[in-house]
Amino acid sequence: MKAWRRSIVVVGFLAWALPCLDGGPRSTPTLALPHRRGGEQNFVGGSLESAASFVRGSCCPDYFVCGSCLADEPAQKAEPKHPGYEFKENHDPNGIGKFYMGREIAQVMGHQAADWLERPEREKEEQPSKLIDALKVKPGEVIADIGAGSGYYAFRLSKLIGPKGKILAVDIQPEMLDIIRKRMKERHVTNIEPIQGTVTDPKLPAKSVDTILMVDVYHEFDHPFEMTVAMVKALKPGGRMIFVEFRMEDPDVPIKLVHKMTQKQVIKEMAPHPLRWVKTLDVLPWQHIIIFEKK
């Protein structure tokens, strides 16, 4: 073996072994003989430190891979820490007595009230057409409508995304999904996919969704932390998570208290998650549109 090649082995072993002087574990080094290319001469005539750096992989990972190199790799992002839930006997009669980050979770609106979602006066009261314009939907987008209900927004958005896009209409109530399927058949709509979710998981594929939309629904999640973790995983990098909630800041909004949320509370509840608050739009009469982006 040539002298310089023996040097690689010796210096490589030192680079592996020296960090272990504190008694900590170290994986067995693996040495790969140099390929004949320009990189071989990077350390020739250089310092011992540069040679050690070379064989540890910073100059050429084909030469030497050791435990210390692997330790320098960026750690995988840890799961967000659960803030926990509280339960109180004395609570709002429209809530479930379960609290998350200081907010009481509201009772879920049952499928029996599906007709209320389709009421004619909704356009005047909530101006959903303004909401749809504000979403800036693009053709081909994959949008998850969480808590889709009767499909009020799913069908309107399906016209904007076109045949190459998809609406994932998620609900935990099979009766709501039956309504959507029936209307899909009646209206010959093919770009909506009804999905039966659970109280902790919307059952969306990982990194598959461009936009997650929740209209007057997040405040009813009885496991908001778990749902948010699952929704974030379903978003593509840079994907949007959009909350449309009745403004608690405005006492004149004629909605029960536990069915309202402040912007501050929404931002607080998203803080444990890898989301960035982008902006809040106040273009609707009763609701604010709170937009986050996946980091």
C-alpha atoms as a PDB file:
ATOM      1  CA  MET A   1       0.000   0.000   0.000  1.00  0.00           C
ATOM      2  CA  LYS A   2       1.381   3.393  -0.858  1.00  0.00           C
ATOM      3  CA  ALA A   3       2.393   5.657   2.018  1.00  0.00           C
ATOM      4  CA  TRP A   4      -0.285   8.249   1.301  1.00  0.00           C
ATOM      5  CA  ARG A   5      -2.954   5.585   1.253  1.00  0.00           C
ATOM      6  CA  ARG A   6      -1.781   4.302   4.635  1.00  0.00           C
ATOM      7  CA  SER A   7      -2.082   7.877   5.854  1.00  0.00           C
ATOM      8  CA  ILE A   8      -5.708   7.897   4.847  1.00  0.00           C
ATOM      9  CA  VAL A   9      -6.364   4.818   6.950  1.00  0.00           C
ATOM     10  CA  VAL A  10      -4.497   6.129  10.005  1.00  0.00           C
ATOM     11  CA  VAL A  11      -5.940   9.614   9.912  1.00  0.00           C
ATOM     12  CA  GLY A  12      -9.364   8.197   9.174  1.00  0.00           C
ATOM     13  CA  PHE A  13      -9.178   5.949  12.213  1.00  0.00           C
ATOM     14  CA  LEU A  14      -8.119   8.892  14.385  1.00  0.00           C
ATOM     15  CA  ALA A  15     -11.002  10.963  13.080  1.00  0.00           C
ATOM     16  CA  TRP A  16     -13.320   8.147  14.071  1.00  0.00           C
ATOM     17  CA  ALA A  17     -11.741   7.232  17.395  1.00  0.00           C
ATOM     18  CA  LEU A  18     -10.843  10.604  18.946  1.00  0.00           C
ATOM     19  CA  PRO A  19     -14.473  11.667  19.545  1.00  0.00           C
ATOM     20  CA  CYS A  20     -14.868   8.448  21.538  1.00  0.00           C
ATOM     21  CA  LEU A  21     -12.394   9.389  24.276  1.00  0.00           C
ATOM     22  CA  ASP A  22     -15.305  10.376  26.473  1.00  0.00           C
ATOM     23  CA  GLY A  23     -16.375   6.734  26.472  1.00  0.00           C
ATOM     24  CA  GLY A  24     -19.400   7.256  24.260  1.00  0.00           C
ATOM     25  CA  PRO A  25     -20.414   4.668  21.663  1.00  0.00           C
ATOM     26  CA  ARG A  26     -19.155   4.948  18.115  1.00  0.00           C
ATOM     27  CA  SER A  27     -20.122   2.938  15.079  1.00  0.00           C
ATOM     28  CA  THR A  28     -17.506   0.904  13.219  1.00  0.00           C
ATOM     29  CA  PRO A  29     -15.804   2.974  10.497  1.00  0.00           C
ATOM     30  CA  THR A  30     -16.108   1.967   6.883  1.00  0.00           C
ATOM     31  CA  LEU A  31     -13.266   2.754   4.511  1.00  0.00           C
ATOM     32  CA  ALA A  32     -13.706   2.881   0.759  1.00  0.00           C
ATOM     33  CA  LEU A  33     -10.571   2.975  -1.379  1.00  0.00           C
ATOM     34  CA  PRO A  34     -10.179   6.212  -3.328  1.00  0.00           C
ATOM     35  CA  HIS A  35     -11.414   6.431  -6.862  1.00  0.00           C
ATOM     36  CA  ARG A  36      -8.916   7.882  -9.291  1.00  0.00           C
ATOM     37  CA  ARG A  37     -10.255  11.361  -9.674  1.00  0.00           C
ATOM     38  CA  GLY A  38      -9.205  14.882  -8.828  1.00  0.00           C
ATOM     39  CA  GLY A  39     -10.535  14.604  -5.306  1.00  0.00           C
ATOM     40  CA  GLU A  40      -7.720  12.181  -4.318  1.00  0.00           C
ATOM     41  CA  GLN A  41      -5.177  14.951  -4.106  1.00  0.00           C
ATOM     42  CA  ASN A  42      -7.325  17.326  -2.030  1.00  0.00           C
ATOM     43  CA  PHE A  43      -5.450  16.542   1.183  1.00  0.00           C
ATOM     44  CA  VAL A  44      -1.930  15.881  -0.207  1.00  0.00           C
ATOM     45  CA  GLY A  45       0.503  18.293   1.338  1.00  0.00           C
ATOM     46  CA  GLY A  46      -2.244  19.723   3.549  1.00  0.00           C
ATOM     47  CA  SER A  47      -2.607  19.790   7.286  1.00  0.00           C
ATOM     48  CA  LEU A  48      -3.594  16.845   9.475  1.00  0.00           C
ATOM     49  CA  GLU A  49      -6.857  18.649  10.228  1.00  0.00           C
ATOM     50  CA  SER A  50      -7.754  18.945   6.548  1.00  0.00           C
ATOM     51  CA  ALA A  51      -6.883  15.291   6.011  1.00  0.00           C
ATOM     52  CA  ALA A  52      -9.118  14.262   8.890  1.00  0.00           C
ATOM     53  CA  SER A  53     -11.891  16.389   7.488  1.00  0.00           C
ATOM     54  CA  PHE A  54     -11.327  14.775   4.113  1.00  0.00           C
ATOM     55  CA  VAL A  55     -11.637  11.203   5.281  1.00  0.00           C
ATOM     56  CA  ARG A  56     -14.603  11.981   7.527  1.00  0.00           C
ATOM     57  CA  GLY A  57     -16.593  12.824   4.451  1.00  0.00           C
ATOM     58  CA  SER A  58     -16.754  16.590   4.273  1.00  0.00           C
ATOM     59  CA  CYS A  59     -14.478  16.573   1.225  1.00  0.00           C
ATOM     60  CA  CYS A  60     -15.549  13.275  -0.281  1.00  0.00           C
ATOM     61  CA  PRO A  61     -18.054  10.944   1.372  1.00  0.00           C
ATOM     62  CA  ASP A  62     -16.913   8.064  -0.849  1.00  0.00           C
ATOM     63  CA  TYR A  63     -13.757   7.654   1.225  1.00  0.00           C
ATOM     64  CA  PHE A  64     -14.812   7.297   4.805  1.00  0.00           C
ATOM     65  CA  VAL A  65     -18.152   7.016   6.585  1.00  0.00           C
ATOM     66  CA  CYS A  66     -18.207   6.865  10.362  1.00  0.00           C
ATOM     67  CA  GLY A  67     -20.500   7.348  13.304  1.00  0.00           C
ATOM     68  CA  SER A  68     -19.334  10.917  13.849  1.00  0.00           C
ATOM     69  CA  CYS A  69     -20.297  11.808  10.288  1.00  0.00           C
ATOM     70  CA  LEU A  70     -23.755  10.394  10.821  1.00  0.00           C
ATOM     71  CA  ALA A  71     -24.045  12.292  14.081  1.00  0.00           C
ATOM     72  CA  ASP A  72     -23.457  15.529  12.189  1.00  0.00           C
ATOM     73  CA  GLU A  73     -26.476  14.908   9.949  1.00  0.00           C
ATOM     74  CA  PRO A  74     -29.494  17.140  10.695  1.00  0.00           C
ATOM     75  CA  ALA A  75     -31.833  15.442  13.140  1.00  0.00           C
ATOM     76  CA  GLN A  76     -35.299  14.568  11.971  1.00  0.00           C
ATOM     77  CA  LYS A  77     -37.836  17.118  13.145  1.00  0.00           C
ATOM     78  CA  ALA A  78     -39.489  16.048  16.357  1.00  0.00           C
ATOM     79  CA  GLU A  79     -43.240  15.716  16.637  1.00  0.00           C
ATOM     80  CA  PRO A  80     -44.916  18.799  18.130  1.00  0.00           C
ATOM     81  CA  LYS A  81     -45.463  18.671  21.870  1.00  0.00           C
ATOM     82  CA  HIS A  82     -49.048  18.083  22.979  1.00  0.00           C
ATOM     83  CA  PRO A  83     -50.269  20.940  25.229  1.00  0.00           C
ATOM     84  CA  GLY A  84     -52.875  18.627  26.781  1.00  0.00           C
ATOM     85  CA  TYR A  85     -56.621  18.848  27.401  1.00  0.00           C
ATOM     86  CA  GLU A  86     -58.622  19.906  30.435  1.00  0.00           C
ATOM     87  CA  PHE A  87     -62.092  18.802  31.518  1.00  0.00           C
ATOM     88  CA  LYS A  88     -64.508  20.892  33.582  1.00  0.00           C
ATOM     89  CA  GLU A  89     -67.914  20.064  34.984  1.00  0.00           C
ATOM     90  CA  ASN A  90     -69.084  23.665  34.862  1.00  0.00           C
ATOM     91  CA  HIS A  91     -69.001  24.773  31.263  1.00  0.00           C
ATOM     92  CA  ASP A  92     -70.968  26.344  28.421  1.00  0.00           C
ATOM     93  CA  PRO A  93     -74.057  24.209  27.634  1.00  0.00           C
ATOM     94  CA  ASN A  94     -73.122  24.406  23.934  1.00  0.00           C
ATOM     95  CA  GLY A  95     -69.676  23.003  24.628  1.00  0.00           C
ATOM     96  CA  ILE A  96     -68.512  19.510  25.535  1.00  0.00           C
ATOM     97  CA  GLY A  97     -66.689  20.401  28.773  1.00  0.00           C
ATOM     98  CA  LYS A  98     -63.313  19.695  27.173  1.00  0.00           C
ATOM     99  CA  PHE A  99     -60.819  22.559  26.912  1.00  0.00           C
ATOM    100  CA  TYR A 100     -57.796  23.037  24.687  1.00  0.00           C
ATOM    101  CA  MET A 101     -55.327  25.839  25.389  1.00  0.00           C
ATOM    102  CA  GLY A 102     -57.971  27.726  27.338  1.00  0.00           C
ATOM    103  CA  ARG A 103     -60.791  27.292  24.784  1.00  0.00           C
ATOM    104  CA  GLU A 104     -63.842  25.109  25.270  1.00  0.00           C
ATOM    105  CA  ILE A 105     -64.540  22.777  22.353  1.00  0.00           C
ATOM    106  CA  ALA A 106     -68.011  23.183  20.821  1.00  0.00           C
ATOM    107  CA  GLN A 107     -70.569  20.480  20.183  1.00  0.00           C
ATOM    108  CA  VAL A 108     -70.637  19.099  16.645  1.00  0.00           C
ATOM    109  CA  MET A 109     -73.517  20.077  14.411  1.00  0.00           C
ATOM    110  CA  GLY A 110     -75.274  16.854  13.411  1.00  0.00           C
ATOM    111  CA  HIS A 111     -76.274  15.767   9.925  1.00  0.00           C
ATOM    112  CA  GLN A 112     -79.882  16.531  10.842  1.00  0.00           C
ATOM    113  CA  ALA A 113     -79.022  20.216  10.320  1.00  0.00           C
ATOM    114  CA  ALA A 114     -77.660  19.721   6.790  1.00  0.00           C
ATOM    115  CA  ASP A 115     -80.488  21.828   5.327  1.00  0.00           C
ATOM    116  CA  TRP A 116     -79.305  24.802   7.426  1.00  0.00           C
ATOM    117  CA  LEU A 117     -75.980  24.679   5.582  1.00  0.00           C
ATOM    118  CA  GLU A 118     -77.819  25.088   2.289  1.00  0.00           C
ATOM    119  CA  ARG A 119     -80.190  27.874   3.444  1.00  0.00           C
ATOM    120  CA  PRO A 120     -80.818  30.534   0.762  1.00  0.00           C
ATOM    121  CA  GLU A 121     -79.987  33.419   3.100  1.00  0.00           C
ATOM    122  CA  ARG A 122     -76.455  32.107   3.659  1.00  0.00           C
ATOM    123  CA  GLU A 123     -75.156  34.120   0.722  1.00  0.00           C
ATOM    124  CA  LYS A 124     -76.473  37.336   2.257  1.00  0.00           C
ATOM    125  CA  GLU A 125     -75.346  36.514   5.805  1.00  0.00           C
ATOM    126  CA  GLU A 126     -71.898  35.025   5.168  1.00  0.00           C
ATOM    127  CA  GLN A 127     -71.178  35.969   1.532  1.00  0.00           C
ATOM    128  CA  PRO A 128     -69.478  32.659   0.644  1.00  0.00           C
ATOM    129  CA  SER A 129     -68.837  33.896  -2.891  1.00  0.00           C
ATOM    130  CA  LYS A 130     -66.434  36.455  -1.390  1.00  0.00           C
ATOM    131  CA  LEU A 131     -64.694  33.682   0.516  1.00  0.00           C
ATOM    132  CA  ILE A 132     -64.224  31.630  -2.630  1.00  0.00           C
ATOM    133  CA  ASP A 133     -62.759  34.643  -4.441  1.00  0.00           C
ATOM    134  CA  ALA A 134     -60.398  35.272  -1.524  1.00  0.00           C
ATOM    135  CA  LEU A 135     -59.072  31.692  -1.647  1.00  0.00           C
ATOM    136  CA  LYS A 136     -57.431  32.324  -5.046  1.00  0.00           C
ATOM    137  CA  VAL A 137     -57.992  28.735  -6.136  1.00  0.00           C
ATOM    138  CA  LYS A 138     -55.948  27.520  -9.103  1.00  0.00           C
ATOM    139  CA  PRO A 139     -56.930  24.925 -11.707  1.00  0.00           C
ATOM    140  CA  GLY A 140     -55.481  21.522 -10.867  1.00  0.00           C
ATOM    141  CA  GLU A 141     -55.313  22.153  -7.119  1.00  0.00           C
ATOM    142  CA  VAL A 142     -55.955  19.427  -4.587  1.00  0.00           C
ATOM    143  CA  ILE A 143     -58.152  20.912  -1.861  1.00  0.00           C
ATOM    144  CA  ALA A 144     -59.221  19.115   1.296  1.00  0.00           C
ATOM    145  CA  ASP A 145     -62.559  20.424   2.580  1.00  0.00           C
ATOM    146  CA  ILE A 146     -62.436  19.271   6.199  1.00  0.00           C
ATOM    147  CA  GLY A 147     -65.866  18.986   7.775  1.00  0.00           C
ATOM    148  CA  ALA A 148     -67.376  19.176   4.313  1.00  0.00           C
ATOM    149  CA  GLY A 149     -70.916  18.611   5.597  1.00  0.00           C
ATOM    150  CA  SER A 150     -73.421  18.653   2.753  1.00  0.00           C
ATOM    151  CA  GLY A 151     -70.734  19.714   0.279  1.00  0.00           C
ATOM    152  CA  TYR A 152     -71.731  23.377   0.169  1.00  0.00           C
ATOM    153  CA  TYR A 153     -68.164  24.524  -0.553  1.00  0.00           C
ATOM    154  CA  ALA A 154     -66.931  21.304  -2.142  1.00  0.00           C
ATOM    155  CA  PHE A 155     -69.268  21.637  -5.113  1.00  0.00           C
ATOM    156  CA  ARG A 156     -68.517  25.324  -5.592  1.00  0.00           C
ATOM    157  CA  LEU A 157     -64.772  24.751  -5.489  1.00  0.00           C
ATOM    158  CA  SER A 158     -64.981  21.753  -7.816  1.00  0.00           C
ATOM    159  CA  LYS A 159     -65.944  24.115 -10.645  1.00  0.00           C
ATOM    160  CA  LEU A 160     -62.739  26.126 -10.163  1.00  0.00           C
ATOM    161  CA  ILE A 161     -60.151  23.360  -9.940  1.00  0.00           C
ATOM    162  CA  GLY A 162     -61.219  21.724 -13.200  1.00  0.00           C
ATOM    163  CA  PRO A 163     -60.926  18.076 -14.261  1.00  0.00           C
ATOM    164  CA  LYS A 164     -57.242  17.860 -13.264  1.00  0.00           C
ATOM    165  CA  GLY A 165     -57.908  19.026  -9.716  1.00  0.00           C
ATOM    166  CA  LYS A 166     -59.596  17.228  -6.851  1.00  0.00           C
ATOM    167  CA  ILE A 167     -61.716  18.093  -3.844  1.00  0.00           C
ATOM    168  CA  LEU A 168     -61.226  15.745  -0.909  1.00  0.00           C
ATOM    169  CA  ALA A 169     -64.508  16.114   0.989  1.00  0.00           C
ATOM    170  CA  VAL A 170     -63.777  14.873   4.515  1.00  0.00           C
ATOM    171  CA  ASP A 171     -66.406  14.348   7.190  1.00  0.00           C
ATOM    172  CA  ILE A 172     -66.788  12.096  10.222  1.00  0.00           C
ATOM    173  CA  GLN A 173     -70.537  11.636   9.663  1.00  0.00           C
ATOM    174  CA  PRO A 174     -71.363   9.021   7.020  1.00  0.00           C
ATOM    175  CA  GLU A 175     -74.783  10.622   6.527  1.00  0.00           C
ATOM    176  CA  MET A 176     -73.121  13.820   5.314  1.00  0.00           C
ATOM    177  CA  LEU A 177     -70.978  11.856   2.878  1.00  0.00           C
ATOM    178  CA  ASP A 178     -74.092  10.092   1.575  1.00  0.00           C
ATOM    179  CA  ILE A 179     -75.584  13.509   0.782  1.00  0.00           C
ATOM    180  CA  ILE A 180     -72.443  14.452  -1.136  1.00  0.00           C
ATOM    181  CA  ARG A 181     -72.407  11.194  -3.112  1.00  0.00           C
ATOM    182  CA  LYS A 182     -76.060  11.615  -4.022  1.00  0.00           C
ATOM    183  CA  ARG A 183     -75.482  15.154  -5.268  1.00  0.00           C
ATOM    184  CA  MET A 184     -72.353  14.120  -7.168  1.00  0.00           C
ATOM    185  CA  LYS A 185     -74.432  11.578  -9.061  1.00  0.00           C
ATOM    186  CA  GLU A 186     -77.263  14.030  -9.710  1.00  0.00           C
ATOM    187  CA  ARG A 187     -74.900  16.765 -10.916  1.00  0.00           C
ATOM    188  CA  HIS A 188     -72.461  14.455 -12.762  1.00  0.00           C
ATOM    189  CA  VAL A 189     -69.513  15.704 -10.692  1.00  0.00           C
ATOM    190  CA  THR A 190     -66.407  13.512 -10.846  1.00  0.00           C
ATOM    191  CA  ASN A 191     -63.649  15.583  -9.212  1.00  0.00           C
ATOM    192  CA  ILE A 192     -64.901  15.251  -5.625  1.00  0.00           C
ATOM    193  CA  GLU A 193     -63.771  12.352  -3.450  1.00  0.00           C
ATOM    194  CA  PRO A 194     -65.782  11.779  -0.247  1.00  0.00           C
ATOM    195  CA  ILE A 195     -63.578  10.574   2.620  1.00  0.00           C
ATOM    196  CA  GLN A 196     -64.691   9.168   5.952  1.00  0.00           C
ATOM    197  CA  GLY A 197     -62.420  10.687   8.570  1.00  0.00           C
ATOM    198  CA  THR A 198     -62.188  10.110  12.305  1.00  0.00           C
ATOM    199  CA  VAL A 199     -62.057  12.517  15.240  1.00  0.00           C
ATOM    200  CA  THR A 200     -58.246  12.305  15.216  1.00  0.00           C
ATOM    201  CA  ASP A 201     -57.384  11.721  11.553  1.00  0.00           C
ATOM    202  CA  PRO A 202     -58.820  13.105   8.295  1.00  0.00           C
ATOM    203  CA  LYS A 203     -57.389  10.075   6.441  1.00  0.00           C
ATOM    204  CA  LEU A 204     -55.487  12.098   3.860  1.00  0.00           C
ATOM    205  CA  PRO A 205     -52.363  10.830   2.070  1.00  0.00           C
ATOM    206  CA  ALA A 206     -49.099  12.390   3.197  1.00  0.00           C
ATOM    207  CA  LYS A 207     -47.877  15.463   1.280  1.00  0.00           C
ATOM    208  CA  SER A 208     -50.786  15.258  -1.160  1.00  0.00           C
ATOM    209  CA  VAL A 209     -52.822  18.408  -0.524  1.00  0.00           C
ATOM    210  CA  ASP A 210     -52.269  21.977  -1.736  1.00  0.00           C
ATOM    211  CA  THR A 211     -54.915  23.632   0.445  1.00  0.00           C
ATOM    212  CA  ILE A 212     -56.790  22.519   3.539  1.00  0.00           C
ATOM    213  CA  LEU A 213     -59.994  24.471   4.095  1.00  0.00           C
ATOM    214  CA  MET A 214     -62.020  24.452   7.301  1.00  0.00           C
ATOM    215  CA  VAL A 215     -65.177  26.568   7.291  1.00  0.00           C
ATOM    216  CA  ASP A 216     -66.775  26.949  10.737  1.00  0.00           C
ATOM    217  CA  VAL A 217     -65.496  23.534  11.769  1.00  0.00           C
ATOM    218  CA  TYR A 218     -62.146  23.625  13.594  1.00  0.00           C
ATOM    219  CA  HIS A 219     -63.726  24.829  16.842  1.00  0.00           C
ATOM    220  CA  GLU A 220     -65.766  21.572  16.884  1.00  0.00           C
ATOM    221  CA  PHE A 221     -62.769  19.213  16.665  1.00  0.00           C
ATOM    222  CA  ASP A 222     -62.751  17.264  19.916  1.00  0.00           C
ATOM    223  CA  HIS A 223     -59.109  16.311  19.253  1.00  0.00           C
ATOM    224  CA  PRO A 224     -57.760  19.512  17.667  1.00  0.00           C
ATOM    225  CA  PHE A 225     -54.094  18.758  18.350  1.00  0.00           C
ATOM    226  CA  GLU A 226     -54.171  15.299  16.779  1.00  0.00           C
ATOM    227  CA  MET A 227     -56.190  16.528  13.817  1.00  0.00           C
ATOM    228  CA  THR A 228     -53.770  19.362  13.157  1.00  0.00           C
ATOM    229  CA  VAL A 229     -50.772  17.025  13.297  1.00  0.00           C
ATOM    230  CA  ALA A 230     -52.429  14.766  10.720  1.00  0.00           C
ATOM    231  CA  MET A 231     -53.496  17.671   8.506  1.00  0.00           C
ATOM    232  CA  VAL A 232     -50.014  19.183   8.477  1.00  0.00           C
ATOM    233  CA  LYS A 233     -48.589  15.836   7.360  1.00  0.00           C
ATOM    234  CA  ALA A 234     -51.095  15.789   4.498  1.00  0.00           C
ATOM    235  CA  LEU A 235     -50.024  19.210   3.219  1.00  0.00           C
ATOM    236  CA  LYS A 236     -47.427  19.562   0.521  1.00  0.00           C
ATOM    237  CA  PRO A 237     -44.425  21.744   1.459  1.00  0.00           C
ATOM    238  CA  GLY A 238     -45.658  25.325   1.269  1.00  0.00           C
ATOM    239  CA  GLY A 239     -49.280  24.144   1.296  1.00  0.00           C
ATOM    240  CA  ARG A 240     -51.969  26.318   2.866  1.00  0.00           C
ATOM    241  CA  MET A 241     -54.135  25.647   5.900  1.00  0.00           C
ATOM    242  CA  ILE A 242     -57.107  28.006   6.008  1.00  0.00           C
ATOM    243  CA  PHE A 243     -59.423  28.602   8.950  1.00  0.00           C
ATOM    244  CA  VAL A 244     -62.739  30.352   8.431  1.00  0.00           C
ATOM    245  CA  GLU A 245     -64.167  31.082  11.874  1.00  0.00           C
ATOM    246  CA  PHE A 246     -66.842  33.382  13.239  1.00  0.00           C
ATOM    247  CA  ARG A 247     -65.155  36.382  14.849  1.00  0.00           C
ATOM    248  CA  MET A 248     -65.259  36.252  18.626  1.00  0.00           C
ATOM    249  CA  GLU A 249     -63.798  39.756  18.637  1.00  0.00           C
ATOM    250  CA  ASP A 250     -67.129  41.046  17.355  1.00  0.00           C
ATOM    251  CA  PRO A 251     -69.971  40.728  19.904  1.00  0.00           C
ATOM    252  CA  ASP A 252     -72.493  41.565  17.188  1.00  0.00           C
ATOM    253  CA  VAL A 253     -71.854  38.327  15.276  1.00  0.00           C
ATOM    254  CA  PRO A 254     -75.053  36.362  16.066  1.00  0.00           C
ATOM    255  CA  ILE A 255     -73.408  33.004  16.776  1.00  0.00           C
ATOM    256  CA  LYS A 256     -73.105  31.046  20.033  1.00  0.00           C
ATOM    257  CA  LEU A 257     -69.933  31.874  21.935  1.00  0.00           C
ATOM    258  CA  VAL A 258     -68.228  28.457  21.721  1.00  0.00           C
ATOM    259  CA  HIS A 259     -68.727  28.504  17.946  1.00  0.00           C
ATOM    260  CA  LYS A 260     -66.588  31.629  17.617  1.00  0.00           C
ATOM    261  CA  MET A 261     -62.798  32.004  17.688  1.00  0.00           C
ATOM    262  CA  THR A 262     -60.445  34.946  17.901  1.00  0.00           C
ATOM    263  CA  GLN A 263     -57.541  35.275  15.515  1.00  0.00           C
ATOM    264  CA  LYS A 264     -55.213  35.271  18.534  1.00  0.00           C
ATOM    265  CA  GLN A 265     -56.584  31.913  19.723  1.00  0.00           C
ATOM    266  CA  VAL A 266     -56.207  30.277  16.313  1.00  0.00           C
ATOM    267  CA  ILE A 267     -52.598  31.451  16.051  1.00  0.00           C
ATOM    268  CA  LYS A 268     -51.949  30.235  19.607  1.00  0.00           C
ATOM    269  CA  GLU A 269     -53.276  26.756  18.816  1.00  0.00           C
ATOM    270  CA  MET A 270     -51.185  26.495  15.668  1.00  0.00           C
ATOM    271  CA  ALA A 271     -47.969  27.544  17.439  1.00  0.00           C
ATOM    272  CA  PRO A 272     -46.868  23.955  18.303  1.00  0.00           C
ATOM    273  CA  HIS A 273     -47.051  22.939  14.655  1.00  0.00           C
ATOM    274  CA  PRO A 274     -44.728  23.602  11.684  1.00  0.00           C
ATOM    275  CA  LEU A 275     -47.000  26.290  10.294  1.00  0.00           C
ATOM    276  CA  ARG A 276     -46.393  29.952   9.555  1.00  0.00           C
ATOM    277  CA  TRP A 277     -49.190  32.483   9.903  1.00  0.00           C
ATOM    278  CA  VAL A 278     -49.377  34.346   6.583  1.00  0.00           C
ATOM    279  CA  LYS A 279     -52.294  36.746   6.974  1.00  0.00           C
ATOM    280  CA  THR A 280     -55.857  37.213   8.123  1.00  0.00           C
ATOM    281  CA  LEU A 281     -58.514  38.516   5.749  1.00  0.00           C
ATOM    282  CA  ASP A 282     -61.521  40.385   7.105  1.00  0.00           C
ATOM    283  CA  VAL A 283     -63.560  40.628   3.921  1.00  0.00           C
ATOM    284  CA  LEU A 284     -66.574  38.694   5.225  1.00  0.00           C
ATOM    285  CA  PRO A 285     -69.440  40.081   7.318  1.00  0.00           C
ATOM    286  CA  TRP A 286     -69.149  37.630  10.235  1.00  0.00           C
ATOM    287  CA  GLN A 287     -66.036  35.490   9.744  1.00  0.00           C
ATOM    288  CA  HIS A 288     -62.321  35.983   9.409  1.00  0.00           C
ATOM    289  CA  ILE A 289     -60.148  34.004   7.009  1.00  0.00           C
ATOM    290  CA  ILE A 290     -56.952  32.985   8.793  1.00  0.00           C
ATOM    291  CA  ILE A 291     -54.261  31.622   6.462  1.00  0.00           C
ATOM    292  CA  PHE A 292     -51.226  29.540   7.429  1.00  0.00           C
ATOM    293  CA  GLU A 293     -48.497  27.994   5.323  1.00  0.00           C
ATOM    294  CA  LYS A 294     -46.580  24.784   5.983  1.00  0.00           C
ATOM    295  CA  LYS A 295     -42.961  25.499   6.793  1.00  0.00           C
END
